[in-house]
Amino acid sequence: MVEGVYPSDTARAGLKECVADICALFFQEPSSAGRDEFLASFREAVGGRANSIQAEYVSTIQKLPAAVTAQGEAWLQGIVDDLCRRAAAFVPGMGLFEDEIHS
């Protein structure tokens, strides 16, 4: 798809030049901001069942307190927002993700 970019389209030409670097972002370790706090709250919420919840994953997640769910959502959204910010930084002229980044 990127191969069909016209050289006169400078923003998309910039994307074509950086596409490998942008793809490489998705193979890097994600940001851990909020991870440890969420996992501690999760373990506290599920108690001793933490090791046996694999079979009951969906029902366990549905039973989490709202505050723990919000922590998990914030952590995961932070990972997505970080990837979007970093990808957009390669091609600032395209205005990628300007309306989608939450933080």
C-alpha atoms as a PDB file:
ATOM      1  CA  MET A   1       0.000   0.000   0.000  1.00  0.00           C
ATOM      2  CA  VAL A   2       2.763   2.442   0.888  1.00  0.00           C
ATOM      3  CA  GLU A   3       4.604   1.535  -2.325  1.00  0.00           C
ATOM      4  CA  GLY A   4       1.951   3.309  -4.413  1.00  0.00           C
ATOM      5  CA  VAL A   5       2.653   6.732  -2.882  1.00  0.00           C
ATOM      6  CA  TYR A   6       3.383   9.544  -5.321  1.00  0.00           C
ATOM      7  CA  PRO A   7       6.673  11.401  -4.643  1.00  0.00           C
ATOM      8  CA  SER A   8       4.777  14.701  -4.865  1.00  0.00           C
ATOM      9  CA  ASP A   9       2.735  13.744  -1.785  1.00  0.00           C
ATOM     10  CA  THR A  10       5.381  14.724   0.761  1.00  0.00           C
ATOM     11  CA  ALA A  11       3.516  13.597   3.876  1.00  0.00           C
ATOM     12  CA  ARG A  12       2.850  10.131   2.521  1.00  0.00           C
ATOM     13  CA  ALA A  13       6.335   9.959   1.019  1.00  0.00           C
ATOM     14  CA  GLY A  14       7.641  10.578   4.540  1.00  0.00           C
ATOM     15  CA  LEU A  15       5.496   7.695   5.759  1.00  0.00           C
ATOM     16  CA  LYS A  16       6.939   5.470   3.048  1.00  0.00           C
ATOM     17  CA  GLU A  17      10.463   6.320   4.218  1.00  0.00           C
ATOM     18  CA  CYS A  18       9.648   5.539   7.868  1.00  0.00           C
ATOM     19  CA  VAL A  19       7.277   2.589   7.558  1.00  0.00           C
ATOM     20  CA  ALA A  20       9.886   0.035   8.715  1.00  0.00           C
ATOM     21  CA  ASP A  21      10.701   2.140  11.788  1.00  0.00           C
ATOM     22  CA  ILE A  22       7.014   2.531  12.596  1.00  0.00           C
ATOM     23  CA  CYS A  23       6.434  -1.215  12.259  1.00  0.00           C
ATOM     24  CA  ALA A  24       9.418  -1.859  14.542  1.00  0.00           C
ATOM     25  CA  LEU A  25       7.646   0.034  17.346  1.00  0.00           C
ATOM     26  CA  PHE A  26       5.178  -2.834  17.663  1.00  0.00           C
ATOM     27  CA  PHE A  27       7.967  -5.307  18.405  1.00  0.00           C
ATOM     28  CA  GLN A  28       9.365  -3.272  21.304  1.00  0.00           C
ATOM     29  CA  GLU A  29       8.467  -3.792  24.945  1.00  0.00           C
ATOM     30  CA  PRO A  30       5.421  -1.625  25.723  1.00  0.00           C
ATOM     31  CA  SER A  31       5.431   1.086  28.350  1.00  0.00           C
ATOM     32  CA  SER A  32       4.965  -0.316  31.838  1.00  0.00           C
ATOM     33  CA  ALA A  33       3.411   2.863  33.265  1.00  0.00           C
ATOM     34  CA  GLY A  34       0.503   1.799  35.471  1.00  0.00           C
ATOM     35  CA  ARG A  35       1.191  -1.916  34.963  1.00  0.00           C
ATOM     36  CA  ASP A  36       2.464  -2.775  38.431  1.00  0.00           C
ATOM     37  CA  GLU A  37      -0.286  -0.822  40.180  1.00  0.00           C
ATOM     38  CA  PHE A  38      -2.971  -2.527  38.102  1.00  0.00           C
ATOM     39  CA  LEU A  39      -1.514  -6.007  38.619  1.00  0.00           C
ATOM     40  CA  ALA A  40      -1.264  -5.450  42.379  1.00  0.00           C
ATOM     41  CA  SER A  41      -4.913  -4.343  42.482  1.00  0.00           C
ATOM     42  CA  PHE A  42      -5.904  -7.266  40.266  1.00  0.00           C
ATOM     43  CA  ARG A  43      -4.156  -9.795  42.511  1.00  0.00           C
ATOM     44  CA  GLU A  44      -5.771  -8.249  45.566  1.00  0.00           C
ATOM     45  CA  ALA A  45      -9.213  -8.397  43.932  1.00  0.00           C
ATOM     46  CA  VAL A  46      -8.945 -12.053  42.886  1.00  0.00           C
ATOM     47  CA  GLY A  47      -7.212 -13.138  46.070  1.00  0.00           C
ATOM     48  CA  GLY A  48      -5.814 -16.660  46.137  1.00  0.00           C
ATOM     49  CA  ARG A  49      -7.580 -17.521  42.890  1.00  0.00           C
ATOM     50  CA  ALA A  50      -4.931 -15.708  40.820  1.00  0.00           C
ATOM     51  CA  ASN A  51      -3.347 -18.984  39.688  1.00  0.00           C
ATOM     52  CA  SER A  52      -6.622 -20.773  38.901  1.00  0.00           C
ATOM     53  CA  ILE A  53      -8.451 -18.096  36.934  1.00  0.00           C
ATOM     54  CA  GLN A  54      -7.360 -19.164  33.459  1.00  0.00           C
ATOM     55  CA  ALA A  55     -10.433 -21.316  32.917  1.00  0.00           C
ATOM     56  CA  GLU A  56     -12.699 -18.640  34.382  1.00  0.00           C
ATOM     57  CA  TYR A  57     -10.981 -15.625  32.820  1.00  0.00           C
ATOM     58  CA  VAL A  58     -14.043 -13.842  31.429  1.00  0.00           C
ATOM     59  CA  SER A  59     -16.160 -14.248  34.564  1.00  0.00           C
ATOM     60  CA  THR A  60     -13.210 -13.182  36.731  1.00  0.00           C
ATOM     61  CA  ILE A  61     -12.697 -10.011  34.681  1.00  0.00           C
ATOM     62  CA  GLN A  62     -16.429  -9.253  34.788  1.00  0.00           C
ATOM     63  CA  LYS A  63     -16.410  -9.504  38.596  1.00  0.00           C
ATOM     64  CA  LEU A  64     -13.519  -7.101  39.151  1.00  0.00           C
ATOM     65  CA  PRO A  65     -14.323  -3.958  41.130  1.00  0.00           C
ATOM     66  CA  ALA A  66     -14.899  -0.911  38.917  1.00  0.00           C
ATOM     67  CA  ALA A  67     -11.745   0.768  40.222  1.00  0.00           C
ATOM     68  CA  VAL A  68      -9.586  -2.209  39.214  1.00  0.00           C
ATOM     69  CA  THR A  69     -11.242  -2.363  35.790  1.00  0.00           C
ATOM     70  CA  ALA A  70     -10.564   1.355  35.328  1.00  0.00           C
ATOM     71  CA  GLN A  71      -6.896   0.828  36.258  1.00  0.00           C
ATOM     72  CA  GLY A  72      -6.574  -1.954  33.694  1.00  0.00           C
ATOM     73  CA  GLU A  73      -8.274   0.094  31.000  1.00  0.00           C
ATOM     74  CA  ALA A  74      -6.037   3.097  31.745  1.00  0.00           C
ATOM     75  CA  TRP A  75      -2.912   0.929  31.588  1.00  0.00           C
ATOM     76  CA  LEU A  76      -3.883  -0.627  28.242  1.00  0.00           C
ATOM     77  CA  GLN A  77      -5.027   2.715  26.793  1.00  0.00           C
ATOM     78  CA  GLY A  78      -1.671   4.157  27.842  1.00  0.00           C
ATOM     79  CA  ILE A  79       0.108   1.498  25.791  1.00  0.00           C
ATOM     80  CA  VAL A  80      -2.014   2.295  22.723  1.00  0.00           C
ATOM     81  CA  ASP A  81      -1.582   6.062  23.168  1.00  0.00           C
ATOM     82  CA  ASP A  82       2.188   5.684  23.554  1.00  0.00           C
ATOM     83  CA  LEU A  83       2.444   3.647  20.337  1.00  0.00           C
ATOM     84  CA  CYS A  84       0.284   6.174  18.479  1.00  0.00           C
ATOM     85  CA  ARG A  85       2.386   9.103  19.725  1.00  0.00           C
ATOM     86  CA  ARG A  86       5.638   7.401  18.780  1.00  0.00           C
ATOM     87  CA  ALA A  87       4.364   6.363  15.333  1.00  0.00           C
ATOM     88  CA  ALA A  88       2.982   9.855  14.656  1.00  0.00           C
ATOM     89  CA  ALA A  89       6.328  11.420  15.593  1.00  0.00           C
ATOM     90  CA  PHE A  90       7.911   9.787  12.524  1.00  0.00           C
ATOM     91  CA  VAL A  91       5.548  11.655  10.177  1.00  0.00           C
ATOM     92  CA  PRO A  92       4.331  14.798  11.951  1.00  0.00           C
ATOM     93  CA  GLY A  93       3.073  16.306   8.688  1.00  0.00           C
ATOM     94  CA  MET A  94       0.354  13.662   8.455  1.00  0.00           C
ATOM     95  CA  GLY A  95      -1.328  14.567  11.743  1.00  0.00           C
ATOM     96  CA  LEU A  96      -1.755  10.901  12.623  1.00  0.00           C
ATOM     97  CA  PHE A  97      -3.888  10.023  15.664  1.00  0.00           C
ATOM     98  CA  GLU A  98      -4.438  13.678  16.626  1.00  0.00           C
ATOM     99  CA  ASP A  99      -8.029  12.996  17.667  1.00  0.00           C
ATOM    100  CA  GLU A 100      -7.487   9.508  19.069  1.00  0.00           C
ATOM    101  CA  ILE A 101      -4.786   9.929  21.718  1.00  0.00           C
ATOM    102  CA  HIS A 102      -6.425  10.068  25.151  1.00  0.00           C
ATOM    103  CA  SER A 103      -3.669  11.415  27.341  1.00  0.00           C
END
